[in-house]
PDB file of N, CA and C in Angstrom:
ATOM      1  N   MET A   1     120.029  76.456  41.709  1.00  0.00           N
ATOM      2  CA  MET A   1     118.845  76.540  42.554  1.00  0.00           C
ATOM      3  C   MET A   1     117.986  77.708  42.106  1.00  0.00           C
ATOM      4  N   ASP A   2     116.763  77.551  42.402  1.00  0.00           N
ATOM      5  CA  ASP A   2     115.796  78.583  42.048  1.00  0.00           C
ATOM      6  C   ASP A   2     115.965  79.778  42.998  1.00  0.00           C
ATOM      7  N   PRO A   3     116.069  81.014  42.501  1.00  0.00           N
ATOM      8  CA  PRO A   3     116.255  82.183  43.367  1.00  0.00           C
ATOM      9  C   PRO A   3     115.088  82.404  44.335  1.00  0.00           C
ATOM     10  N   VAL A   4     113.877  82.058  43.927  1.00  0.00           N
ATOM     11  CA  VAL A   4     112.725  82.232  44.817  1.00  0.00           C
ATOM     12  C   VAL A   4     112.860  81.309  46.026  1.00  0.00           C
ATOM     13  N   LEU A   5     113.324  80.091  45.782  1.00  0.00           N
ATOM     14  CA  LEU A   5     113.510  79.119  46.850  1.00  0.00           C
ATOM     15  C   LEU A   5     114.605  79.578  47.814  1.00  0.00           C
ATOM     16  N   VAL A   6     115.664  80.141  47.281  1.00  0.00           N
ATOM     17  CA  VAL A   6     116.758  80.629  48.114  1.00  0.00           C
ATOM     18  C   VAL A   6     116.286  81.795  48.981  1.00  0.00           C
ATOM     19  N   VAL A   7     115.554  82.732  48.395  1.00  0.00           N
ATOM     20  CA  VAL A   7     115.060  83.891  49.157  1.00  0.00           C
ATOM     21  C   VAL A   7     114.069  83.438  50.223  1.00  0.00           C
ATOM     22  N   PHE A   8     113.149  82.558  49.832  1.00  0.00           N
ATOM     23  CA  PHE A   8     112.146  82.072  50.782  1.00  0.00           C
ATOM     24  C   PHE A   8     112.813  81.263  51.902  1.00  0.00           C
ATOM     25  N   GLY A   9     113.766  80.400  51.565  1.00  0.00           N
ATOM     26  CA  GLY A   9     114.486  79.611  52.563  1.00  0.00           C
ATOM     27  C   GLY A   9     115.290  80.494  53.504  1.00  0.00           C
ATOM     28  N   GLY A  10     115.922  81.522  52.952  1.00  0.00           N
ATOM     29  CA  GLY A  10     116.679  82.452  53.784  1.00  0.00           C
ATOM     30  C   GLY A  10     115.775  83.206  54.759  1.00  0.00           C
ATOM     31  N   LEU A  11     114.600  83.591  54.285  1.00  0.00           N
ATOM     32  CA  LEU A  11     113.651  84.289  55.144  1.00  0.00           C
ATOM     33  C   LEU A  11     113.166  83.383  56.278  1.00  0.00           C
ATOM     34  N   VAL A  12     112.854  82.143  55.946  1.00  0.00           N
ATOM     35  CA  VAL A  12     112.409  81.182  56.956  1.00  0.00           C
ATOM     36  C   VAL A  12     113.521  80.934  57.965  1.00  0.00           C
ATOM     37  N   LEU A  13     114.759  80.756  57.490  1.00  0.00           N
ATOM     38  CA  LEU A  13     115.890  80.541  58.378  1.00  0.00           C
ATOM     39  C   LEU A  13     116.099  81.747  59.298  1.00  0.00           C
ATOM     40  N   PHE A  14     115.986  82.947  58.750  1.00  0.00           N
ATOM     41  CA  PHE A  14     116.122  84.156  59.558  1.00  0.00           C
ATOM     42  C   PHE A  14     115.051  84.213  60.641  1.00  0.00           C
ATOM     43  N   LEU A  15     113.797  83.904  60.289  1.00  0.00           N
ATOM     44  CA  LEU A  15     112.717  83.942  61.272  1.00  0.00           C
ATOM     45  C   LEU A  15     112.901  82.901  62.367  1.00  0.00           C
ATOM     46  N   VAL A  16     113.388  81.718  62.009  1.00  0.00           N
ATOM     47  CA  VAL A  16     113.634  80.666  63.004  1.00  0.00           C
ATOM     48  C   VAL A  16     114.729  81.099  63.971  1.00  0.00           C
ATOM     49  N   VAL A  17     115.819  81.627  63.440  1.00  0.00           N
ATOM     50  CA  VAL A  17     116.921  82.086  64.295  1.00  0.00           C
ATOM     51  C   VAL A  17     116.456  83.236  65.181  1.00  0.00           C
ATOM     52  N   PHE A  18     115.672  84.141  64.629  1.00  0.00           N
ATOM     53  CA  PHE A  18     115.158  85.274  65.402  1.00  0.00           C
ATOM     54  C   PHE A  18     114.242  84.786  66.538  1.00  0.00           C
ATOM     55  N   ALA A  19     113.364  83.823  66.249  1.00  0.00           N
ATOM     56  CA  ALA A  19     112.452  83.288  67.261  1.00  0.00           C
ATOM     57  C   ALA A  19     113.229  82.584  68.364  1.00  0.00           C
ATOM     58  N   LEU A  20     114.258  81.825  68.010  1.00  0.00           N
ATOM     59  CA  LEU A  20     115.077  81.155  69.022  1.00  0.00           C
ATOM     60  C   LEU A  20     115.831  82.159  69.885  1.00  0.00           C
ATOM     61  N   ALA A  21     116.352  83.194  69.276  1.00  0.00           N
ATOM     62  CA  ALA A  21     117.066  84.216  70.027  1.00  0.00           C
ATOM     63  C   ALA A  21     116.116  84.970  70.953  1.00  0.00           C
ATOM     64  N   LEU A  22     114.927  85.238  70.484  1.00  0.00           N
ATOM     65  CA  LEU A  22     113.944  85.943  71.310  1.00  0.00           C
ATOM     66  C   LEU A  22     113.485  85.073  72.464  1.00  0.00           C
ATOM     67  N   GLY A  23     113.356  83.763  72.249  1.00  0.00           N
ATOM     68  CA  GLY A  23     112.947  82.859  73.309  1.00  0.00           C
ATOM     69  C   GLY A  23     114.020  82.685  74.368  1.00  0.00           C
ATOM     70  N   ALA A  24     115.287  82.810  74.006  1.00  0.00           N
ATOM     71  CA  ALA A  24     116.381  82.643  74.959  1.00  0.00           C
ATOM     72  C   ALA A  24     116.609  83.903  75.776  1.00  0.00           C
ATOM     73  N   TRP A  25     116.116  85.034  75.310  1.00  0.00           N
ATOM     74  CA  TRP A  25     116.328  86.294  76.005  1.00  0.00           C
ATOM     75  C   TRP A  25     115.184  86.536  76.973  1.00  0.00           C
ATOM     76  N   HIS A  26     115.483  86.623  78.270  1.00  0.00           N
ATOM     77  CA  HIS A  26     114.474  86.859  79.303  1.00  0.00           C
ATOM     78  C   HIS A  26     114.843  88.130  80.049  1.00  0.00           C
ATOM     79  N   PRO A  27     114.160  89.215  79.783  1.00  0.00           N
ATOM     80  CA  PRO A  27     114.477  90.434  80.514  1.00  0.00           C
ATOM     81  C   PRO A  27     114.104  90.278  81.987  1.00  0.00           C
ATOM     82  N   LYS A  28     114.919  90.816  82.852  1.00  0.00           N
ATOM     83  CA  LYS A  28     114.673  90.721  84.287  1.00  0.00           C
ATOM     84  C   LYS A  28     114.367  92.107  84.832  1.00  0.00           C
ATOM     85  N   SER A  29     113.452  92.112  85.791  1.00  0.00           N
ATOM     86  CA  SER A  29     113.149  93.392  86.434  1.00  0.00           C
ATOM     87  C   SER A  29     114.218  93.673  87.485  1.00  0.00           C
ATOM     88  N   GLY A  30     114.214  94.864  88.012  1.00  0.00           N
ATOM     89  CA  GLY A  30     115.192  95.236  89.032  1.00  0.00           C
ATOM     90  C   GLY A  30     115.091  94.375  90.272  1.00  0.00           C
ATOM     91  N   ALA A  31     113.878  94.006  90.673  1.00  0.00           N
ATOM     92  CA  ALA A  31     113.692  93.191  91.871  1.00  0.00           C
ATOM     93  C   ALA A  31     114.236  91.783  91.651  1.00  0.00           C
ATOM     94  N   GLN A  32     114.108  91.250  90.449  1.00  0.00           N
ATOM     95  CA  GLN A  32     114.620  89.911  90.181  1.00  0.00           C
ATOM     96  C   GLN A  32     116.142  89.905  90.166  1.00  0.00           C
ATOM     97  N   ILE A  33     116.739  90.998  89.767  1.00  0.00           N
ATOM     98  CA  ILE A  33     118.197  91.071  89.717  1.00  0.00           C
ATOM     99  C   ILE A  33     118.776  91.033  91.119  1.00  0.00           C
ATOM    100  N   VAL A  34     118.165  91.742  92.064  1.00  0.00           N
ATOM    101  CA  VAL A  34     118.677  91.764  93.436  1.00  0.00           C
ATOM    102  C   VAL A  34     118.087  90.650  94.284  1.00  0.00           C
ATOM    103  N   GLY A  35     117.182  89.854  93.748  1.00  0.00           N
ATOM    104  CA  GLY A  35     116.668  88.695  94.458  1.00  0.00           C
ATOM    105  C   GLY A  35     115.490  88.957  95.368  1.00  0.00           C
ATOM    106  N   ARG A  36     114.793  90.034  95.156  1.00  0.00           N
ATOM    107  CA  ARG A  36     113.624  90.338  95.988  1.00  0.00           C
ATOM    108  C   ARG A  36     112.359  90.175  95.176  1.00  0.00           C
ATOM    109  N   SER A  37     111.271  90.034  95.895  1.00  0.00           N
ATOM    110  CA  SER A  37     109.974  89.878  95.252  1.00  0.00           C
ATOM    111  C   SER A  37     109.370  91.247  94.990  1.00  0.00           C
ATOM    112  N   MET A  38     108.560  91.327  93.925  1.00  0.00           N
ATOM    113  CA  MET A  38     107.873  92.574  93.608  1.00  0.00           C
ATOM    114  C   MET A  38     106.609  92.730  94.444  1.00  0.00           C
ATOM    115  N   ARG A  39     106.200  91.655  95.144  1.00  0.00           N
ATOM    116  CA  ARG A  39     104.959  91.688  95.910  1.00  0.00           C
ATOM    117  C   ARG A  39     105.167  92.412  97.227  1.00  0.00           C
ATOM    118  N   ASP A  40     104.172  93.157  97.628  1.00  0.00           N
ATOM    119  CA  ASP A  40     104.188  93.850  98.908  1.00  0.00           C
ATOM    120  C   ASP A  40     103.185  93.138  99.816  1.00  0.00           C
ATOM    121  N   GLU A  41     103.706  92.302 100.717  1.00  0.00           N
ATOM    122  CA  GLU A  41     102.838  91.496 101.569  1.00  0.00           C
ATOM    123  C   GLU A  41     101.972  92.362 102.478  1.00  0.00           C
ATOM    124  N   GLY A  42     102.502  93.476 102.934  1.00  0.00           N
ATOM    125  CA  GLY A  42     101.726  94.378 103.792  1.00  0.00           C
ATOM    126  C   GLY A  42     100.509  94.941 103.070  1.00  0.00           C
ATOM    127  N   ALA A  43     100.703  95.338 101.821  1.00  0.00           N
ATOM    128  CA  ALA A  43      99.591  95.874 101.032  1.00  0.00           C
ATOM    129  C   ALA A  43      98.571  94.785 100.742  1.00  0.00           C
ATOM    130  N   GLU A  44      99.045  93.576 100.460  1.00  0.00           N
ATOM    131  CA  GLU A  44      98.121  92.477 100.206  1.00  0.00           C
ATOM    132  C   GLU A  44      97.302  92.141 101.440  1.00  0.00           C
ATOM    133  N   ALA A  45      97.919  92.177 102.628  1.00  0.00           N
ATOM    134  CA  ALA A  45      97.192  91.903 103.871  1.00  0.00           C
ATOM    135  C   ALA A  45      96.140  92.974 104.134  1.00  0.00           C
ATOM    136  N   GLU A  46      96.478  94.223 103.842  1.00  0.00           N
ATOM    137  CA  GLU A  46      95.514  95.310 104.037  1.00  0.00           C
ATOM    138  C   GLU A  46      94.326  95.169 103.086  1.00  0.00           C
ATOM    139  N   ILE A  47      94.607  94.824 101.849  1.00  0.00           N
ATOM    140  CA  ILE A  47      93.532  94.621 100.878  1.00  0.00           C
ATOM    141  C   ILE A  47      92.651  93.461 101.305  1.00  0.00           C
ATOM    142  N   GLU A  48      93.269  92.383 101.777  1.00  0.00           N
ATOM    143  CA  GLU A  48      92.513  91.209 102.219  1.00  0.00           C
ATOM    144  C   GLU A  48      91.621  91.562 103.414  1.00  0.00           C
ATOM    145  N   ALA A  49      92.139  92.352 104.338  1.00  0.00           N
ATOM    146  CA  ALA A  49      91.340  92.745 105.497  1.00  0.00           C
ATOM    147  C   ALA A  49      90.132  93.566 105.059  1.00  0.00           C
ATOM    148  N   HIS A  50      90.322  94.469 104.110  1.00  0.00           N
ATOM    149  CA  HIS A  50      89.200  95.274 103.615  1.00  0.00           C
ATOM    150  C   HIS A  50      88.199  94.401 102.863  1.00  0.00           C
ATOM    151  N   ASP A  51      88.699  93.427 102.110  1.00  0.00           N
ATOM    152  CA  ASP A  51      87.802  92.527 101.380  1.00  0.00           C
ATOM    153  C   ASP A  51      86.919  91.750 102.343  1.00  0.00           C
ATOM    154  N   ILE A  52      87.514  91.244 103.413  1.00  0.00           N
ATOM    155  CA  ILE A  52      86.743  90.463 104.390  1.00  0.00           C
ATOM    156  C   ILE A  52      85.698  91.340 105.054  1.00  0.00           C
ATOM    157  N   ASP A  53      86.084  92.561 105.432  1.00  0.00           N
ATOM    158  CA  ASP A  53      85.112  93.480 106.042  1.00  0.00           C
ATOM    159  C   ASP A  53      83.954  93.770 105.095  1.00  0.00           C
ATOM    160  N   GLN A  54      84.261  93.992 103.825  1.00  0.00           N
ATOM    161  CA  GLN A  54      83.211  94.271 102.849  1.00  0.00           C
ATOM    162  C   GLN A  54      82.300  93.065 102.657  1.00  0.00           C
ATOM    163  N   MET A  55      82.868  91.864 102.643  1.00  0.00           N
ATOM    164  CA  MET A  55      82.043  90.668 102.494  1.00  0.00           C
ATOM    165  C   MET A  55      81.122  90.486 103.693  1.00  0.00           C
ATOM    166  N   LEU A  56      81.657  90.682 104.903  1.00  0.00           N
ATOM    167  CA  LEU A  56      80.817  90.548 106.097  1.00  0.00           C
ATOM    168  C   LEU A  56      79.721  91.609 106.123  1.00  0.00           C
ATOM    169  N   ASP A  57      80.062  92.829 105.730  1.00  0.00           N
ATOM    170  CA  ASP A  57      79.041  93.877 105.670  1.00  0.00           C
ATOM    171  C   ASP A  57      77.937  93.512 104.691  1.00  0.00           C
ATOM    172  N   SER A  58      78.297  92.960 103.559  1.00  0.00           N
ATOM    173  CA  SER A  58      77.293  92.559 102.565  1.00  0.00           C
ATOM    174  C   SER A  58      76.421  91.424 103.084  1.00  0.00           C
ATOM    175  N   ILE A  59      77.044  90.441 103.719  1.00  0.00           N
ATOM    176  CA  ILE A  59      76.270  89.326 104.279  1.00  0.00           C
ATOM    177  C   ILE A  59      75.314  89.829 105.343  1.00  0.00           C
ATOM    178  N   ASN A  60      75.801  90.698 106.213  1.00  0.00           N
ATOM    179  CA  ASN A  60      74.951  91.223 107.278  1.00  0.00           C
ATOM    180  C   ASN A  60      73.814  92.079 106.723  1.00  0.00           C
ATOM    181  N   GLU A  61      74.059  92.826 105.664  1.00  0.00           N
ATOM    182  CA  GLU A  61      73.010  93.628 105.034  1.00  0.00           C
ATOM    183  C   GLU A  61      71.902  92.732 104.495  1.00  0.00           C
ATOM    184  N   ILE A  62      72.296  91.648 103.837  1.00  0.00           N
ATOM    185  CA  ILE A  62      71.303  90.700 103.314  1.00  0.00           C
ATOM    186  C   ILE A  62      70.523  90.076 104.463  1.00  0.00           C
ATOM    187  N   ARG A  63      71.217  89.723 105.538  1.00  0.00           N
ATOM    188  CA  ARG A  63      70.543  89.116 106.700  1.00  0.00           C
ATOM    189  C   ARG A  63      69.563  90.110 107.327  1.00  0.00           C
ATOM    190  N   ARG A  64      69.950  91.382 107.400  1.00  0.00           N
ATOM    191  CA  ARG A  64      69.041  92.397 107.977  1.00  0.00           C
ATOM    192  C   ARG A  64      67.788  92.553 107.123  1.00  0.00           C
ATOM    193  N   ARG A  65      67.970  92.522 105.809  1.00  0.00           N
ATOM    194  CA  ARG A  65      66.811  92.662 104.914  1.00  0.00           C
ATOM    195  C   ARG A  65      65.820  91.514 105.084  1.00  0.00           C
ATOM    196  N   THR A  66      66.339  90.337 105.402  1.00  0.00           N
ATOM    197  CA  THR A  66      65.460  89.174 105.572  1.00  0.00           C
ATOM    198  C   THR A  66      64.977  89.019 107.009  1.00  0.00           C
ATOM    199  N   GLY A  67      65.354  89.952 107.882  1.00  0.00           N
ATOM    200  CA  GLY A  67      64.872  89.935 109.255  1.00  0.00           C
ATOM    201  C   GLY A  67      65.693  89.091 110.205  1.00  0.00           C
ATOM    202  N   ARG A  68      66.844  88.629 109.775  1.00  0.00           N
ATOM    203  CA  ARG A  68      67.693  87.826 110.656  1.00  0.00           C
ATOM    204  C   ARG A  68      68.749  88.712 111.305  1.00  0.00           C
ATOM    205  N   ARG A  69      69.369  88.183 112.353  1.00  0.00           N
ATOM    206  CA  ARG A  69      70.410  88.949 113.052  1.00  0.00           C
ATOM    207  C   ARG A  69      71.743  88.845 112.317  1.00  0.00           C
ATOM    208  N   ASP A  70      72.682  89.732 112.669  1.00  0.00           N
ATOM    209  CA  ASP A  70      74.006  89.716 112.063  1.00  0.00           C
ATOM    210  C   ASP A  70      74.741  88.424 112.415  1.00  0.00           C
ATOM    211  N   VAL A  71      75.704  88.077 111.594  1.00  0.00           N
ATOM    212  CA  VAL A  71      76.484  86.866 111.811  1.00  0.00           C
ATOM    213  C   VAL A  71      77.221  86.939 113.143  1.00  0.00           C
ATOM    214  N   GLY A  72      77.793  88.067 113.447  1.00  0.00           N
ATOM    215  CA  GLY A  72      78.543  88.229 114.699  1.00  0.00           C
ATOM    216  C   GLY A  72      77.677  88.025 115.924  1.00  0.00           C
ATOM    217  N   GLU A  73      76.451  88.496 115.889  1.00  0.00           N
ATOM    218  CA  GLU A  73      75.547  88.324 117.026  1.00  0.00           C
ATOM    219  C   GLU A  73      75.212  86.853 117.228  1.00  0.00           C
ATOM    220  N   GLU A  74      74.949  86.135 116.152  1.00  0.00           N
ATOM    221  CA  GLU A  74      74.635  84.709 116.274  1.00  0.00           C
ATOM    222  C   GLU A  74      75.844  83.921 116.761  1.00  0.00           C
ATOM    223  N   LEU A  75      77.022  84.236 116.275  1.00  0.00           N
ATOM    224  CA  LEU A  75      78.218  83.538 116.729  1.00  0.00           C
ATOM    225  C   LEU A  75      78.490  83.813 118.200  1.00  0.00           C
ATOM    226  N   ALA A  76      78.268  85.052 118.644  1.00  0.00           N
ATOM    227  CA  ALA A  76      78.475  85.379 120.057  1.00  0.00           C
ATOM    228  C   ALA A  76      77.509  84.584 120.926  1.00  0.00           C
ATOM    229  N   ASP A  77      76.250  84.467 120.521  1.00  0.00           N
ATOM    230  CA  ASP A  77      75.286  83.688 121.288  1.00  0.00           C
ATOM    231  C   ASP A  77      75.673  82.210 121.333  1.00  0.00           C
ATOM    232  N   GLU A  78      76.115  81.662 120.217  1.00  0.00           N
ATOM    233  CA  GLU A  78      76.523  80.269 120.182  1.00  0.00           C
ATOM    234  C   GLU A  78      77.751  80.038 121.051  1.00  0.00           C
ATOM    235  N   ALA A  79      78.679  80.979 121.066  1.00  0.00           N
ATOM    236  CA  ALA A  79      79.866  80.845 121.895  1.00  0.00           C
ATOM    237  C   ALA A  79      79.492  80.887 123.373  1.00  0.00           C
ATOM    238  N   MET A  80      78.534  81.737 123.720  1.00  0.00           N
ATOM    239  CA  MET A  80      78.082  81.821 125.126  1.00  0.00           C
ATOM    240  C   MET A  80      77.395  80.526 125.548  1.00  0.00           C
ATOM    241  N   ARG A  81      76.638  79.911 124.656  1.00  0.00           N
ATOM    242  CA  ARG A  81      75.950  78.661 124.971  1.00  0.00           C
ATOM    243  C   ARG A  81      76.883  77.477 124.892  1.00  0.00           C
ATOM    244  N   GLY A  82      78.030  77.626 124.256  1.00  0.00           N
ATOM    245  CA  GLY A  82      78.971  76.524 124.104  1.00  0.00           C
ATOM    246  C   GLY A  82      78.613  75.595 122.965  1.00  0.00           C
ATOM    247  N   THR A  83      77.806  76.063 122.031  1.00  0.00           N
ATOM    248  CA  THR A  83      77.391  75.225 120.908  1.00  0.00           C
ATOM    249  C   THR A  83      78.035  75.645 119.599  1.00  0.00           C
ATOM    250  N   TRP A  84      79.043  76.469 119.673  1.00  0.00           N
ATOM    251  CA  TRP A  84      79.680  76.963 118.449  1.00  0.00           C
ATOM    252  C   TRP A  84      80.388  75.824 117.741  1.00  0.00           C
ATOM    253  N   GLY A  85      80.092  75.663 116.471  1.00  0.00           N
ATOM    254  CA  GLY A  85      80.741  74.648 115.659  1.00  0.00           C
ATOM    255  C   GLY A  85      80.029  73.303 115.673  1.00  0.00           C
ATOM    256  N   GLU A  86      78.917  73.198 116.349  1.00  0.00           N
ATOM    257  CA  GLU A  86      78.204  71.918 116.379  1.00  0.00           C
ATOM    258  C   GLU A  86      77.107  71.903 115.359  1.00  0.00           C
TER     259      GLU A  86
END
């Protein structure tokens, strides 16, 4: 056999075996080992609450610039009239 072919074939075989071994190895974090999630639901809820407040503030700012009332004021009036959601 040609020595170049043997060296090249050996290199390809080594890379294939290395890729298969790397694909089979899945490192686990500490939380996955003990069966817990890495997510903090409390922190996510707090972030979501701040996001909603910021969105409402932005919407109300735009409404004020155009001369309209805040969303909360309009919803309160509709709830008092009983027409909310119609």
